[in-house]
Amino acid sequence: MGPLLVVLLLALLLFGAGFALNLLWWVAVVVLVLWLVGFVVRPPGSGGARGRWYRW
């Protein structure tokens, strides 16, 4: 009974880690797209490198 519980616990842990990593990949893709859009979209009347919507 003990080894079965260990295997089930390990499977549950790996499933949770896989789901979390998959979710983090999607978050990373969304942040990358927003970052790239920030280089293209600029407020009107702003010039130079200071025209981005973030303050970096």
PDB file of N, CA and C in Angstrom:
ATOM      1  N   MET A   1       0.823  -1.189   0.000  1.00  0.00           N
ATOM      2  CA  MET A   1       0.000   0.000   0.000  1.00  0.00           C
ATOM      3  C   MET A   1       0.871   1.258   0.000  1.00  0.00           C
ATOM      4  N   GLY A   2       1.975   1.248   0.727  1.00  0.00           N
ATOM      5  CA  GLY A   2       2.870   2.399   0.795  1.00  0.00           C
ATOM      6  C   GLY A   2       3.465   2.785  -0.550  1.00  0.00           C
ATOM      7  N   PRO A   3       4.049   1.805  -1.296  1.00  0.00           N
ATOM      8  CA  PRO A   3       4.613   2.165  -2.597  1.00  0.00           C
ATOM      9  C   PRO A   3       3.564   2.702  -3.571  1.00  0.00           C
ATOM     10  N   LEU A   4       2.339   2.196  -3.493  1.00  0.00           N
ATOM     11  CA  LEU A   4       1.273   2.687  -4.362  1.00  0.00           C
ATOM     12  C   LEU A   4       0.971   4.154  -4.048  1.00  0.00           C
ATOM     13  N   LEU A   5       0.929   4.502  -2.774  1.00  0.00           N
ATOM     14  CA  LEU A   5       0.692   5.894  -2.390  1.00  0.00           C
ATOM     15  C   LEU A   5       1.840   6.801  -2.835  1.00  0.00           C
ATOM     16  N   VAL A   6       3.063   6.298  -2.732  1.00  0.00           N
ATOM     17  CA  VAL A   6       4.215   7.083  -3.172  1.00  0.00           C
ATOM     18  C   VAL A   6       4.145   7.339  -4.674  1.00  0.00           C
ATOM     19  N   VAL A   7       3.797   6.313  -5.446  1.00  0.00           N
ATOM     20  CA  VAL A   7       3.692   6.468  -6.902  1.00  0.00           C
ATOM     21  C   VAL A   7       2.567   7.436  -7.252  1.00  0.00           C
ATOM     22  N   LEU A   8       1.425   7.313  -6.585  1.00  0.00           N
ATOM     23  CA  LEU A   8       0.311   8.227  -6.860  1.00  0.00           C
ATOM     24  C   LEU A   8       0.659   9.665  -6.483  1.00  0.00           C
ATOM     25  N   LEU A   9       1.340   9.832  -5.359  1.00  0.00           N
ATOM     26  CA  LEU A   9       1.762  11.165  -4.946  1.00  0.00           C
ATOM     27  C   LEU A   9       2.759  11.756  -5.939  1.00  0.00           C
ATOM     28  N   LEU A  10       3.698  10.951  -6.410  1.00  0.00           N
ATOM     29  CA  LEU A  10       4.669  11.410  -7.394  1.00  0.00           C
ATOM     30  C   LEU A  10       3.988  11.795  -8.710  1.00  0.00           C
ATOM     31  N   ALA A  11       3.022  10.992  -9.138  1.00  0.00           N
ATOM     32  CA  ALA A  11       2.292  11.306 -10.365  1.00  0.00           C
ATOM     33  C   ALA A  11       1.514  12.615 -10.211  1.00  0.00           C
ATOM     34  N   LEU A  12       0.895  12.804  -9.070  1.00  0.00           N
ATOM     35  CA  LEU A  12       0.156  14.041  -8.825  1.00  0.00           C
ATOM     36  C   LEU A  12       1.099  15.237  -8.798  1.00  0.00           C
ATOM     37  N   LEU A  13       2.257  15.092  -8.179  1.00  0.00           N
ATOM     38  CA  LEU A  13       3.235  16.170  -8.113  1.00  0.00           C
ATOM     39  C   LEU A  13       3.757  16.525  -9.505  1.00  0.00           C
ATOM     40  N   LEU A  14       4.072  15.516 -10.304  1.00  0.00           N
ATOM     41  CA  LEU A  14       4.570  15.773 -11.657  1.00  0.00           C
ATOM     42  C   LEU A  14       3.488  16.393 -12.538  1.00  0.00           C
ATOM     43  N   PHE A  15       2.236  15.973 -12.369  1.00  0.00           N
ATOM     44  CA  PHE A  15       1.146  16.559 -13.134  1.00  0.00           C
ATOM     45  C   PHE A  15       0.980  18.031 -12.770  1.00  0.00           C
ATOM     46  N   GLY A  16       1.047  18.342 -11.472  1.00  0.00           N
ATOM     47  CA  GLY A  16       0.923  19.732 -11.029  1.00  0.00           C
ATOM     48  C   GLY A  16       2.066  20.586 -11.530  1.00  0.00           C
ATOM     49  N   ALA A  17       3.291  20.057 -11.496  1.00  0.00           N
ATOM     50  CA  ALA A  17       4.440  20.808 -11.989  1.00  0.00           C
ATOM     51  C   ALA A  17       4.338  21.032 -13.486  1.00  0.00           C
ATOM     52  N   GLY A  18       3.892  20.024 -14.206  1.00  0.00           N
ATOM     53  CA  GLY A  18       3.721  20.172 -15.655  1.00  0.00           C
ATOM     54  C   GLY A  18       2.677  21.212 -15.999  1.00  0.00           C
ATOM     55  N   PHE A  19       1.576  21.226 -15.259  1.00  0.00           N
ATOM     56  CA  PHE A  19       0.537  22.222 -15.498  1.00  0.00           C
ATOM     57  C   PHE A  19       1.061  23.622 -15.184  1.00  0.00           C
ATOM     58  N   ALA A  20       1.794  23.764 -14.081  1.00  0.00           N
ATOM     59  CA  ALA A  20       2.332  25.079 -13.699  1.00  0.00           C
ATOM     60  C   ALA A  20       3.349  25.560 -14.732  1.00  0.00           C
ATOM     61  N   LEU A  21       4.212  24.668 -15.208  1.00  0.00           N
ATOM     62  CA  LEU A  21       5.194  25.062 -16.206  1.00  0.00           C
ATOM     63  C   LEU A  21       4.528  25.445 -17.515  1.00  0.00           C
ATOM     64  N   ASN A  22       3.477  24.729 -17.894  1.00  0.00           N
ATOM     65  CA  ASN A  22       2.746  25.063 -19.105  1.00  0.00           C
ATOM     66  C   ASN A  22       2.101  26.434 -18.962  1.00  0.00           C
ATOM     67  N   LEU A  23       1.520  26.698 -17.804  1.00  0.00           N
ATOM     68  CA  LEU A  23       0.900  27.994 -17.559  1.00  0.00           C
ATOM     69  C   LEU A  23       1.956  29.103 -17.601  1.00  0.00           C
ATOM     70  N   LEU A  24       3.132  28.848 -17.034  1.00  0.00           N
ATOM     71  CA  LEU A  24       4.195  29.852 -17.058  1.00  0.00           C
ATOM     72  C   LEU A  24       4.688  30.132 -18.479  1.00  0.00           C
ATOM     73  N   TRP A  25       4.706  29.103 -19.329  1.00  0.00           N
ATOM     74  CA  TRP A  25       5.085  29.328 -20.727  1.00  0.00           C
ATOM     75  C   TRP A  25       4.096  30.257 -21.406  1.00  0.00           C
ATOM     76  N   TRP A  26       2.790  30.047 -21.176  1.00  0.00           N
ATOM     77  CA  TRP A  26       1.780  30.914 -21.791  1.00  0.00           C
ATOM     78  C   TRP A  26       1.887  32.341 -21.267  1.00  0.00           C
ATOM     79  N   VAL A  27       2.152  32.496 -19.972  1.00  0.00           N
ATOM     80  CA  VAL A  27       2.334  33.841 -19.409  1.00  0.00           C
ATOM     81  C   VAL A  27       3.557  34.508 -20.044  1.00  0.00           C
ATOM     82  N   ALA A  28       4.628  33.756 -20.222  1.00  0.00           N
ATOM     83  CA  ALA A  28       5.840  34.303 -20.832  1.00  0.00           C
ATOM     84  C   ALA A  28       5.577  34.741 -22.273  1.00  0.00           C
ATOM     85  N   VAL A  29       4.799  33.974 -23.013  1.00  0.00           N
ATOM     86  CA  VAL A  29       4.476  34.339 -24.396  1.00  0.00           C
ATOM     87  C   VAL A  29       3.655  35.621 -24.435  1.00  0.00           C
ATOM     88  N   VAL A  30       2.673  35.751 -23.538  1.00  0.00           N
ATOM     89  CA  VAL A  30       1.840  36.953 -23.505  1.00  0.00           C
ATOM     90  C   VAL A  30       2.683  38.175 -23.152  1.00  0.00           C
ATOM     91  N   VAL A  31       3.576  38.044 -22.170  1.00  0.00           N
ATOM     92  CA  VAL A  31       4.435  39.168 -21.783  1.00  0.00           C
ATOM     93  C   VAL A  31       5.368  39.548 -22.926  1.00  0.00           C
ATOM     94  N   LEU A  32       5.904  38.569 -23.640  1.00  0.00           N
ATOM     95  CA  LEU A  32       6.775  38.851 -24.773  1.00  0.00           C
ATOM     96  C   LEU A  32       6.035  39.609 -25.863  1.00  0.00           C
ATOM     97  N   VAL A  33       4.810  39.206 -26.162  1.00  0.00           N
ATOM     98  CA  VAL A  33       4.015  39.888 -27.183  1.00  0.00           C
ATOM     99  C   VAL A  33       3.739  41.326 -26.756  1.00  0.00           C
ATOM    100  N   LEU A  34       3.363  41.537 -25.492  1.00  0.00           N
ATOM    101  CA  LEU A  34       3.112  42.898 -25.019  1.00  0.00           C
ATOM    102  C   LEU A  34       4.381  43.744 -25.071  1.00  0.00           C
ATOM    103  N   TRP A  35       5.517  43.145 -24.763  1.00  0.00           N
ATOM    104  CA  TRP A  35       6.771  43.869 -24.807  1.00  0.00           C
ATOM    105  C   TRP A  35       7.104  44.286 -26.238  1.00  0.00           C
ATOM    106  N   LEU A  36       6.900  43.363 -27.192  1.00  0.00           N
ATOM    107  CA  LEU A  36       7.166  43.686 -28.589  1.00  0.00           C
ATOM    108  C   LEU A  36       6.199  44.738 -29.115  1.00  0.00           C
ATOM    109  N   VAL A  37       4.943  44.686 -28.685  1.00  0.00           N
ATOM    110  CA  VAL A  37       3.972  45.696 -29.093  1.00  0.00           C
ATOM    111  C   VAL A  37       4.392  47.064 -28.558  1.00  0.00           C
ATOM    112  N   GLY A  38       5.023  47.096 -27.412  1.00  0.00           N
ATOM    113  CA  GLY A  38       5.488  48.353 -26.844  1.00  0.00           C
ATOM    114  C   GLY A  38       6.531  49.045 -27.704  1.00  0.00           C
ATOM    115  N   PHE A  39       7.265  48.301 -28.514  1.00  0.00           N
ATOM    116  CA  PHE A  39       8.222  48.928 -29.422  1.00  0.00           C
ATOM    117  C   PHE A  39       7.533  49.524 -30.639  1.00  0.00           C
ATOM    118  N   VAL A  40       6.380  48.985 -31.003  1.00  0.00           N
ATOM    119  CA  VAL A  40       5.684  49.429 -32.212  1.00  0.00           C
ATOM    120  C   VAL A  40       4.696  50.544 -31.893  1.00  0.00           C
ATOM    121  N   VAL A  41       3.911  50.371 -30.850  1.00  0.00           N
ATOM    122  CA  VAL A  41       2.867  51.330 -30.506  1.00  0.00           C
ATOM    123  C   VAL A  41       3.471  52.405 -29.609  1.00  0.00           C
ATOM    124  N   ARG A  42       3.367  53.624 -30.065  1.00  0.00           N
ATOM    125  CA  ARG A  42       3.873  54.749 -29.282  1.00  0.00           C
ATOM    126  C   ARG A  42       2.793  55.813 -29.196  1.00  0.00           C
ATOM    127  N   PRO A  43       2.752  56.530 -28.104  1.00  0.00           N
ATOM    128  CA  PRO A  43       1.767  57.606 -28.004  1.00  0.00           C
ATOM    129  C   PRO A  43       2.045  58.693 -29.030  1.00  0.00           C
ATOM    130  N   PRO A  44       0.996  59.346 -29.530  1.00  0.00           N
ATOM    131  CA  PRO A  44       1.221  60.401 -30.521  1.00  0.00           C
ATOM    132  C   PRO A  44       1.961  61.586 -29.907  1.00  0.00           C
ATOM    133  N   GLY A  45       2.851  62.164 -30.692  1.00  0.00           N
ATOM    134  CA  GLY A  45       3.584  63.333 -30.235  1.00  0.00           C
ATOM    135  C   GLY A  45       4.823  63.020 -29.442  1.00  0.00           C
ATOM    136  N   SER A  46       5.142  61.765 -29.285  1.00  0.00           N
ATOM    137  CA  SER A  46       6.350  61.421 -28.530  1.00  0.00           C
ATOM    138  C   SER A  46       7.439  61.046 -29.516  1.00  0.00           C
ATOM    139  N   GLY A  47       8.631  61.498 -29.235  1.00  0.00           N
ATOM    140  CA  GLY A  47       9.721  61.208 -30.152  1.00  0.00           C
ATOM    141  C   GLY A  47      10.873  60.538 -29.450  1.00  0.00           C
ATOM    142  N   GLY A  48      11.680  59.866 -30.227  1.00  0.00           N
ATOM    143  CA  GLY A  48      12.879  59.250 -29.679  1.00  0.00           C
ATOM    144  C   GLY A  48      12.588  57.996 -28.883  1.00  0.00           C
ATOM    145  N   ALA A  49      13.576  57.604 -28.094  1.00  0.00           N
ATOM    146  CA  ALA A  49      13.462  56.373 -27.316  1.00  0.00           C
ATOM    147  C   ALA A  49      12.567  56.547 -26.100  1.00  0.00           C
ATOM    148  N   ARG A  50      12.227  57.784 -25.738  1.00  0.00           N
ATOM    149  CA  ARG A  50      11.400  58.014 -24.558  1.00  0.00           C
ATOM    150  C   ARG A  50       9.918  57.879 -24.865  1.00  0.00           C
ATOM    151  N   GLY A  51       9.558  57.509 -26.082  1.00  0.00           N
ATOM    152  CA  GLY A  51       8.157  57.448 -26.462  1.00  0.00           C
ATOM    153  C   GLY A  51       7.476  56.146 -26.136  1.00  0.00           C
ATOM    154  N   ARG A  52       8.171  55.247 -25.485  1.00  0.00           N
ATOM    155  CA  ARG A  52       7.551  53.961 -25.181  1.00  0.00           C
ATOM    156  C   ARG A  52       6.592  54.096 -24.022  1.00  0.00           C
ATOM    157  N   TRP A  53       5.665  53.144 -23.900  1.00  0.00           N
ATOM    158  CA  TRP A  53       4.632  53.214 -22.876  1.00  0.00           C
ATOM    159  C   TRP A  53       5.119  52.733 -21.519  1.00  0.00           C
ATOM    160  N   TYR A  54       6.346  52.246 -21.433  1.00  0.00           N
ATOM    161  CA  TYR A  54       6.909  51.866 -20.150  1.00  0.00           C
ATOM    162  C   TYR A  54       8.098  52.765 -19.863  1.00  0.00           C
ATOM    163  N   ARG A  55       8.634  52.742 -18.668  1.00  0.00           N
ATOM    164  CA  ARG A  55       9.628  53.702 -18.226  1.00  0.00           C
ATOM    165  C   ARG A  55      11.049  53.147 -18.215  1.00  0.00           C
ATOM    166  N   TRP A  56      11.333  52.030 -18.818  1.00  0.00           N
ATOM    167  CA  TRP A  56      12.658  51.426 -18.727  1.00  0.00           C
ATOM    168  C   TRP A  56      13.663  52.261 -19.484  1.00  0.00           C
TER     169      TRP A  56
END
